[in-house]
Amino acid sequence: LQDAWERLRRQSETSRNNASSCSSFLFVVIAVLVVSAL
């Protein structure tokens, strides 16, 4: 999750305007949270 967060942060810095990156990031965060809750 930290690695994915770091990647997303870097991607977000490189392309702030890219909306698909944010939705990918949210999908990964939600998936990790669901798995850790299970």
All heavy atoms as atom14 arrays in JSON, in Angstrom:
{
  "sequence": "LQDAWERLRRQSETSRNNASSCSSFLFVVIAVLVVSAL",
  "atom14_mask": [
    [1, 1, 1, 1, 1, 1, 1, 1, 0, 0, 0, 0, 0, 0],
    [1, 1, 1, 1, 1, 1, 1, 1, 1, 0, 0, 0, 0, 0],
    [1, 1, 1, 1, 1, 1, 1, 1, 0, 0, 0, 0, 0, 0],
    [1, 1, 1, 1, 1, 0, 0, 0, 0, 0, 0, 0, 0, 0],
    [1, 1, 1, 1, 1, 1, 1, 1, 1, 1, 1, 1, 1, 1],
    [1, 1, 1, 1, 1, 1, 1, 1, 1, 0, 0, 0, 0, 0],
    [1, 1, 1, 1, 1, 1, 1, 1, 1, 1, 1, 0, 0, 0],
    [1, 1, 1, 1, 1, 1, 1, 1, 0, 0, 0, 0, 0, 0],
    [1, 1, 1, 1, 1, 1, 1, 1, 1, 1, 1, 0, 0, 0],
    [1, 1, 1, 1, 1, 1, 1, 1, 1, 1, 1, 0, 0, 0],
    [1, 1, 1, 1, 1, 1, 1, 1, 1, 0, 0, 0, 0, 0],
    [1, 1, 1, 1, 1, 1, 0, 0, 0, 0, 0, 0, 0, 0],
    [1, 1, 1, 1, 1, 1, 1, 1, 1, 0, 0, 0, 0, 0],
    [1, 1, 1, 1, 1, 1, 1, 0, 0, 0, 0, 0, 0, 0],
    [1, 1, 1, 1, 1, 1, 0, 0, 0, 0, 0, 0, 0, 0],
    [1, 1, 1, 1, 1, 1, 1, 1, 1, 1, 1, 0, 0, 0],
    [1, 1, 1, 1, 1, 1, 1, 1, 0, 0, 0, 0, 0, 0],
    [1, 1, 1, 1, 1, 1, 1, 1, 0, 0, 0, 0, 0, 0],
    [1, 1, 1, 1, 1, 0, 0, 0, 0, 0, 0, 0, 0, 0],
    [1, 1, 1, 1, 1, 1, 0, 0, 0, 0, 0, 0, 0, 0],
    [1, 1, 1, 1, 1, 1, 0, 0, 0, 0, 0, 0, 0, 0],
    [1, 1, 1, 1, 1, 1, 0, 0, 0, 0, 0, 0, 0, 0],
    [1, 1, 1, 1, 1, 1, 0, 0, 0, 0, 0, 0, 0, 0],
    [1, 1, 1, 1, 1, 1, 0, 0, 0, 0, 0, 0, 0, 0],
    [1, 1, 1, 1, 1, 1, 1, 1, 1, 1, 1, 0, 0, 0],
    [1, 1, 1, 1, 1, 1, 1, 1, 0, 0, 0, 0, 0, 0],
    [1, 1, 1, 1, 1, 1, 1, 1, 1, 1, 1, 0, 0, 0],
    [1, 1, 1, 1, 1, 1, 1, 0, 0, 0, 0, 0, 0, 0],
    [1, 1, 1, 1, 1, 1, 1, 0, 0, 0, 0, 0, 0, 0],
    [1, 1, 1, 1, 1, 1, 1, 1, 0, 0, 0, 0, 0, 0],
    [1, 1, 1, 1, 1, 0, 0, 0, 0, 0, 0, 0, 0, 0],
    [1, 1, 1, 1, 1, 1, 1, 0, 0, 0, 0, 0, 0, 0],
    [1, 1, 1, 1, 1, 1, 1, 1, 0, 0, 0, 0, 0, 0],
    [1, 1, 1, 1, 1, 1, 1, 0, 0, 0, 0, 0, 0, 0],
    [1, 1, 1, 1, 1, 1, 1, 0, 0, 0, 0, 0, 0, 0],
    [1, 1, 1, 1, 1, 1, 0, 0, 0, 0, 0, 0, 0, 0],
    [1, 1, 1, 1, 1, 0, 0, 0, 0, 0, 0, 0, 0, 0],
    [1, 1, 1, 1, 1, 1, 1, 1, 0, 0, 0, 0, 0, 0]
  ],
  "atom14_positions": [
    [[0.83, -1.2, 0.0], [0.0, 0.0, 0.0], [0.87, 1.26, 0.0], [0.6, 2.2, -0.74], [-0.93, -0.01, 1.22], [-1.86, 1.18, 1.37], [-2.8, 1.29, 0.17], [-2.65, 1.08, 2.66], [0.0, 0.0, 0.0], [0.0, 0.0, 0.0], [0.0, 0.0, 0.0], [0.0, 0.0, 0.0], [0.0, 0.0, 0.0], [0.0, 0.0, 0.0]],
    [[1.91, 1.25, 0.83], [2.82, 2.41, 0.85], [3.52, 2.58, -0.49], [3.68, 3.71, -0.99], [3.86, 2.25, 1.97], [3.3, 2.5, 3.35], [4.35, 2.28, 4.42], [5.48, 1.89, 4.14], [3.96, 2.56, 5.66], [0.0, 0.0, 0.0], [0.0, 0.0, 0.0], [0.0, 0.0, 0.0], [0.0, 0.0, 0.0], [0.0, 0.0, 0.0]],
    [[3.92, 1.44, -1.07], [4.57, 1.51, -2.39], [3.59, 2.07, -3.43], [3.96, 2.93, -4.25], [5.07, 0.14, -2.84], [6.24, -0.35, -1.99], [6.84, 0.49, -1.27], [6.55, -1.56, -2.04], [0.0, 0.0, 0.0], [0.0, 0.0, 0.0], [0.0, 0.0, 0.0], [0.0, 0.0, 0.0], [0.0, 0.0, 0.0], [0.0, 0.0, 0.0]],
    [[2.35, 1.57, -3.38], [1.34, 2.04, -4.34], [1.06, 3.53, -4.1], [0.89, 4.3, -5.06], [0.07, 1.22, -4.2], [0.0, 0.0, 0.0], [0.0, 0.0, 0.0], [0.0, 0.0, 0.0], [0.0, 0.0, 0.0], [0.0, 0.0, 0.0], [0.0, 0.0, 0.0], [0.0, 0.0, 0.0], [0.0, 0.0, 0.0], [0.0, 0.0, 0.0]],
    [[0.99, 3.9, -2.85], [0.76, 5.32, -2.51], [1.89, 6.18, -3.04], [1.66, 7.25, -3.59], [0.63, 5.46, -1.0], [0.47, 6.87, -0.55], [1.41, 7.65, 0.01], [-0.67, 7.69, -0.67], [0.93, 8.87, 0.28], [-0.38, 8.93, -0.14], [-1.96, 7.49, -1.19], [-1.27, 9.98, -0.1], [-2.84, 8.53, -1.13], [-2.51, 9.76, -0.59]],
    [[3.08, 5.7, -2.85], [4.25, 6.45, -3.33], [4.21, 6.57, -4.85], [4.5, 7.62, -5.4], [5.52, 5.73, -2.85], [6.78, 6.51, -3.0], [6.76, 7.83, -2.22], [6.24, 7.89, -1.09], [7.25, 8.8, -2.77], [0.0, 0.0, 0.0], [0.0, 0.0, 0.0], [0.0, 0.0, 0.0], [0.0, 0.0, 0.0], [0.0, 0.0, 0.0]],
    [[3.87, 5.49, -5.55], [3.78, 5.52, -7.01], [2.71, 6.5, -7.46], [2.9, 7.28, -8.4], [3.47, 4.13, -7.56], [4.67, 3.27, -7.77], [4.32, 2.03, -8.61], [3.1, 1.35, -8.18], [3.05, 0.25, -7.46], [4.17, -0.34, -7.09], [1.91, -0.27, -7.11], [0.0, 0.0, 0.0], [0.0, 0.0, 0.0], [0.0, 0.0, 0.0]],
    [[1.58, 6.44, -6.79], [0.49, 7.34, -7.15], [0.86, 8.81, -6.89], [0.5, 9.68, -7.66], [-0.77, 7.01, -6.35], [-1.6, 5.88, -6.91], [-2.72, 5.52, -5.95], [-2.19, 6.25, -8.24], [0.0, 0.0, 0.0], [0.0, 0.0, 0.0], [0.0, 0.0, 0.0], [0.0, 0.0, 0.0], [0.0, 0.0, 0.0], [0.0, 0.0, 0.0]],
    [[1.54, 9.04, -5.82], [1.97, 10.4, -5.52], [2.9, 10.91, -6.61], [2.79, 12.04, -7.09], [2.65, 10.45, -4.17], [2.85, 11.85, -3.64], [3.48, 11.88, -2.28], [4.74, 11.21, -2.17], [5.92, 11.72, -2.54], [5.99, 12.91, -3.09], [7.02, 11.04, -2.38], [0.0, 0.0, 0.0], [0.0, 0.0, 0.0], [0.0, 0.0, 0.0]],
    [[3.82, 10.04, -7.03], [4.73, 10.44, -8.1], [3.99, 10.65, -9.4], [4.27, 11.6, -10.14], [5.82, 9.38, -8.29], [6.96, 9.58, -7.34], [8.1, 8.63, -7.63], [8.04, 7.57, -6.62], [8.26, 6.3, -6.81], [8.6, 5.88, -7.99], [8.17, 5.46, -5.83], [0.0, 0.0, 0.0], [0.0, 0.0, 0.0], [0.0, 0.0, 0.0]],
    [[3.04, 9.75, -9.65], [2.26, 9.9, -10.88], [1.41, 11.16, -10.82], [1.22, 11.84, -11.84], [1.34, 8.68, -11.08], [2.04, 7.49, -11.62], [1.06, 6.32, -11.78], [-0.09, 6.43, -11.38], [1.54, 5.25, -12.36], [0.0, 0.0, 0.0], [0.0, 0.0, 0.0], [0.0, 0.0, 0.0], [0.0, 0.0, 0.0], [0.0, 0.0, 0.0]],
    [[0.9, 11.41, -9.67], [0.06, 12.59, -9.56], [0.87, 13.86, -9.72], [0.39, 14.85, -10.25], [-0.69, 12.53, -8.25], [-0.33, 13.46, -7.34], [0.0, 0.0, 0.0], [0.0, 0.0, 0.0], [0.0, 0.0, 0.0], [0.0, 0.0, 0.0], [0.0, 0.0, 0.0], [0.0, 0.0, 0.0], [0.0, 0.0, 0.0], [0.0, 0.0, 0.0]],
    [[2.09, 13.85, -9.28], [2.94, 15.01, -9.47], [3.26, 15.18, -10.96], [3.38, 16.28, -11.45], [4.24, 14.86, -8.68], [4.07, 15.05, -7.2], [5.36, 14.79, -6.45], [6.42, 14.54, -7.07], [5.3, 14.82, -5.22], [0.0, 0.0, 0.0], [0.0, 0.0, 0.0], [0.0, 0.0, 0.0], [0.0, 0.0, 0.0], [0.0, 0.0, 0.0]],
    [[3.47, 14.1, -11.64], [3.81, 14.17, -13.05], [2.6, 14.51, -13.91], [2.71, 15.25, -14.88], [4.44, 12.86, -13.54], [3.55, 11.83, -13.31], [5.78, 12.67, -12.97], [0.0, 0.0, 0.0], [0.0, 0.0, 0.0], [0.0, 0.0, 0.0], [0.0, 0.0, 0.0], [0.0, 0.0, 0.0], [0.0, 0.0, 0.0], [0.0, 0.0, 0.0]],
    [[1.5, 14.01, -13.54], [0.33, 14.32, -14.38], [-0.86, 14.61, -13.49], [-1.62, 13.74, -13.12], [0.04, 13.18, -15.32], [-0.28, 12.03, -14.6], [0.0, 0.0, 0.0], [0.0, 0.0, 0.0], [0.0, 0.0, 0.0], [0.0, 0.0, 0.0], [0.0, 0.0, 0.0], [0.0, 0.0, 0.0], [0.0, 0.0, 0.0], [0.0, 0.0, 0.0]],
    [[-1.0, 15.85, -13.16], [-2.08, 16.25, -12.27], [-3.39, 16.28, -13.02], [-4.44, 16.17, -12.41], [-1.79, 17.62, -11.7], [-0.67, 17.59, -10.72], [-0.75, 18.82, -9.85], [0.32, 18.78, -8.91], [0.17, 18.53, -7.65], [-1.0, 18.35, -7.15], [1.19, 18.48, -6.87], [0.0, 0.0, 0.0], [0.0, 0.0, 0.0], [0.0, 0.0, 0.0]],
    [[-3.32, 16.47, -14.21], [-4.55, 16.62, -14.96], [-5.15, 15.28, -15.37], [-6.26, 15.24, -15.89], [-4.29, 17.46, -16.21], [-3.88, 18.87, -15.83], [-4.2, 19.31, -14.74], [-3.18, 19.55, -16.72], [0.0, 0.0, 0.0], [0.0, 0.0, 0.0], [0.0, 0.0, 0.0], [0.0, 0.0, 0.0], [0.0, 0.0, 0.0], [0.0, 0.0, 0.0]],
    [[-4.46, 14.26, -15.18], [-4.93, 12.97, -15.65], [-5.93, 12.39, -14.65], [-5.58, 11.98, -13.55], [-3.72, 12.05, -15.83], [-4.07, 10.8, -16.6], [-5.24, 10.55, -16.85], [-3.07, 10.04, -16.94], [0.0, 0.0, 0.0], [0.0, 0.0, 0.0], [0.0, 0.0, 0.0], [0.0, 0.0, 0.0], [0.0, 0.0, 0.0], [0.0, 0.0, 0.0]],
    [[-7.19, 12.31, -14.95], [-8.26, 11.87, -14.06], [-8.24, 10.36, -13.89], [-8.65, 9.83, -12.86], [-9.6, 12.32, -14.6], [0.0, 0.0, 0.0], [0.0, 0.0, 0.0], [0.0, 0.0, 0.0], [0.0, 0.0, 0.0], [0.0, 0.0, 0.0], [0.0, 0.0, 0.0], [0.0, 0.0, 0.0], [0.0, 0.0, 0.0], [0.0, 0.0, 0.0]],
    [[-7.79, 9.66, -14.89], [-7.77, 8.2, -14.8], [-6.79, 7.74, -13.75], [-6.96, 6.69, -13.13], [-7.47, 7.58, -16.15], [-6.15, 7.85, -16.52], [0.0, 0.0, 0.0], [0.0, 0.0, 0.0], [0.0, 0.0, 0.0], [0.0, 0.0, 0.0], [0.0, 0.0, 0.0], [0.0, 0.0, 0.0], [0.0, 0.0, 0.0], [0.0, 0.0, 0.0]],
    [[-5.74, 8.49, -13.5], [-4.76, 8.12, -12.49], [-5.38, 8.15, -11.11], [-5.13, 7.29, -10.27], [-3.58, 9.08, -12.51], [-2.86, 8.96, -13.69], [0.0, 0.0, 0.0], [0.0, 0.0, 0.0], [0.0, 0.0, 0.0], [0.0, 0.0, 0.0], [0.0, 0.0, 0.0], [0.0, 0.0, 0.0], [0.0, 0.0, 0.0], [0.0, 0.0, 0.0]],
    [[-6.19, 9.12, -10.85], [-6.84, 9.23, -9.53], [-7.8, 8.07, -9.3], [-7.86, 7.51, -8.2], [-7.61, 10.55, -9.45], [-6.57, 11.93, -9.02], [0.0, 0.0, 0.0], [0.0, 0.0, 0.0], [0.0, 0.0, 0.0], [0.0, 0.0, 0.0], [0.0, 0.0, 0.0], [0.0, 0.0, 0.0], [0.0, 0.0, 0.0], [0.0, 0.0, 0.0]],
    [[-8.55, 7.75, -10.32], [-9.49, 6.64, -10.13], [-8.74, 5.33, -9.94], [-9.16, 4.47, -9.17], [-10.48, 6.56, -11.29], [-9.82, 6.52, -12.51], [0.0, 0.0, 0.0], [0.0, 0.0, 0.0], [0.0, 0.0, 0.0], [0.0, 0.0, 0.0], [0.0, 0.0, 0.0], [0.0, 0.0, 0.0], [0.0, 0.0, 0.0], [0.0, 0.0, 0.0]],
    [[-7.61, 5.14, -10.59], [-6.79, 3.94, -10.39], [-6.26, 3.89, -8.97], [-6.26, 2.85, -8.3], [-5.61, 3.91, -11.35], [-6.05, 3.86, -12.67], [0.0, 0.0, 0.0], [0.0, 0.0, 0.0], [0.0, 0.0, 0.0], [0.0, 0.0, 0.0], [0.0, 0.0, 0.0], [0.0, 0.0, 0.0], [0.0, 0.0, 0.0], [0.0, 0.0, 0.0]],
    [[-5.81, 5.07, -8.52], [-5.29, 5.15, -7.16], [-6.37, 4.82, -6.14], [-6.15, 4.04, -5.19], [-4.72, 6.56, -6.92], [-4.32, 6.76, -5.5], [-3.22, 6.12, -4.98], [-5.04, 7.62, -4.66], [-2.85, 6.31, -3.68], [-4.67, 7.8, -3.36], [-3.56, 7.16, -2.85], [0.0, 0.0, 0.0], [0.0, 0.0, 0.0], [0.0, 0.0, 0.0]],
    [[-7.54, 5.32, -6.29], [-8.64, 5.04, -5.37], [-9.02, 3.56, -5.4], [-9.31, 2.96, -4.37], [-9.86, 5.91, -5.7], [-9.75, 7.37, -5.3], [-10.95, 8.16, -5.8], [-9.64, 7.5, -3.8], [0.0, 0.0, 0.0], [0.0, 0.0, 0.0], [0.0, 0.0, 0.0], [0.0, 0.0, 0.0], [0.0, 0.0, 0.0], [0.0, 0.0, 0.0]],
    [[-9.0, 2.99, -6.58], [-9.32, 1.58, -6.7], [-8.31, 0.72, -5.93], [-8.67, -0.21, -5.22], [-9.37, 1.18, -8.19], [-9.67, -0.27, -8.38], [-10.95, -0.76, -8.15], [-8.66, -1.16, -8.76], [-11.22, -2.1, -8.32], [-8.94, -2.49, -8.92], [-10.22, -2.97, -8.71], [0.0, 0.0, 0.0], [0.0, 0.0, 0.0], [0.0, 0.0, 0.0]],
    [[-7.03, 1.02, -6.05], [-5.98, 0.26, -5.37], [-6.12, 0.44, -3.86], [-6.02, -0.52, -3.07], [-4.58, 0.7, -5.86], [-3.49, 0.12, -5.0], [-4.39, 0.29, -7.3], [0.0, 0.0, 0.0], [0.0, 0.0, 0.0], [0.0, 0.0, 0.0], [0.0, 0.0, 0.0], [0.0, 0.0, 0.0], [0.0, 0.0, 0.0], [0.0, 0.0, 0.0]],
    [[-6.37, 1.66, -3.4], [-6.49, 1.93, -1.96], [-7.68, 1.16, -1.4], [-7.6, 0.53, -0.33], [-6.62, 3.45, -1.7], [-7.03, 3.73, -0.26], [-5.32, 4.15, -2.01], [0.0, 0.0, 0.0], [0.0, 0.0, 0.0], [0.0, 0.0, 0.0], [0.0, 0.0, 0.0], [0.0, 0.0, 0.0], [0.0, 0.0, 0.0], [0.0, 0.0, 0.0]],
    [[-8.8, 1.22, -2.08], [-10.0, 0.52, -1.6], [-9.76, -0.99, -1.58], [-10.13, -1.68, -0.63], [-11.22, 0.89, -2.46], [-11.59, 2.35, -2.19], [-12.4, -0.03, -2.17], [-12.66, 2.88, -3.12], [0.0, 0.0, 0.0], [0.0, 0.0, 0.0], [0.0, 0.0, 0.0], [0.0, 0.0, 0.0], [0.0, 0.0, 0.0], [0.0, 0.0, 0.0]],
    [[-9.12, -1.54, -2.59], [-8.84, -2.98, -2.66], [-7.93, -3.4, -1.5], [-8.17, -4.43, -0.85], [-8.21, -3.32, -4.0], [0.0, 0.0, 0.0], [0.0, 0.0, 0.0], [0.0, 0.0, 0.0], [0.0, 0.0, 0.0], [0.0, 0.0, 0.0], [0.0, 0.0, 0.0], [0.0, 0.0, 0.0], [0.0, 0.0, 0.0], [0.0, 0.0, 0.0]],
    [[-6.92, -2.63, -1.2], [-5.99, -2.96, -0.12], [-6.72, -2.89, 1.22], [-6.55, -3.75, 2.1], [-4.76, -2.03, -0.15], [-3.94, -2.17, 1.12], [-3.92, -2.33, -1.36], [0.0, 0.0, 0.0], [0.0, 0.0, 0.0], [0.0, 0.0, 0.0], [0.0, 0.0, 0.0], [0.0, 0.0, 0.0], [0.0, 0.0, 0.0], [0.0, 0.0, 0.0]],
    [[-7.56, -1.88, 1.4], [-8.31, -1.76, 2.66], [-9.28, -2.92, 2.85], [-9.43, -3.44, 3.95], [-9.05, -0.41, 2.7], [-8.18, 0.83, 2.89], [-9.05, 2.09, 2.8], [-7.45, 0.79, 4.21], [0.0, 0.0, 0.0], [0.0, 0.0, 0.0], [0.0, 0.0, 0.0], [0.0, 0.0, 0.0], [0.0, 0.0, 0.0], [0.0, 0.0, 0.0]],
    [[-9.93, -3.34, 1.79], [-10.88, -4.47, 1.88], [-10.12, -5.75, 2.22], [-10.54, -6.53, 3.08], [-11.68, -4.6, 0.57], [-12.44, -5.93, 0.52], [-12.62, -3.45, 0.4], [0.0, 0.0, 0.0], [0.0, 0.0, 0.0], [0.0, 0.0, 0.0], [0.0, 0.0, 0.0], [0.0, 0.0, 0.0], [0.0, 0.0, 0.0], [0.0, 0.0, 0.0]],
    [[-9.0, -5.99, 1.59], [-8.22, -7.19, 1.84], [-7.7, -7.2, 3.28], [-7.75, -8.2, 3.99], [-7.05, -7.32, 0.83], [-6.09, -8.42, 1.25], [-7.61, -7.59, -0.55], [0.0, 0.0, 0.0], [0.0, 0.0, 0.0], [0.0, 0.0, 0.0], [0.0, 0.0, 0.0], [0.0, 0.0, 0.0], [0.0, 0.0, 0.0], [0.0, 0.0, 0.0]],
    [[-7.2, -6.05, 3.76], [-6.68, -6.01, 5.12], [-7.81, -6.18, 6.14], [-7.63, -6.78, 7.19], [-5.92, -4.71, 5.37], [-6.8, -3.61, 5.36], [0.0, 0.0, 0.0], [0.0, 0.0, 0.0], [0.0, 0.0, 0.0], [0.0, 0.0, 0.0], [0.0, 0.0, 0.0], [0.0, 0.0, 0.0], [0.0, 0.0, 0.0], [0.0, 0.0, 0.0]],
    [[-9.02, -5.69, 5.84], [-10.15, -5.86, 6.74], [-10.56, -7.34, 6.79], [-10.96, -7.84, 7.84], [-11.31, -4.99, 6.3], [0.0, 0.0, 0.0], [0.0, 0.0, 0.0], [0.0, 0.0, 0.0], [0.0, 0.0, 0.0], [0.0, 0.0, 0.0], [0.0, 0.0, 0.0], [0.0, 0.0, 0.0], [0.0, 0.0, 0.0], [0.0, 0.0, 0.0]],
    [[-10.49, -8.02, 5.66], [-10.85, -9.44, 5.63], [-9.84, -10.29, 6.4], [-10.21, -11.31, 6.98], [-10.95, -9.91, 4.18], [-12.16, -9.39, 3.38], [-12.07, -9.86, 1.94], [-13.45, -9.87, 4.0], [0.0, 0.0, 0.0], [0.0, 0.0, 0.0], [0.0, 0.0, 0.0], [0.0, 0.0, 0.0], [0.0, 0.0, 0.0], [0.0, 0.0, 0.0]]
  ]
}
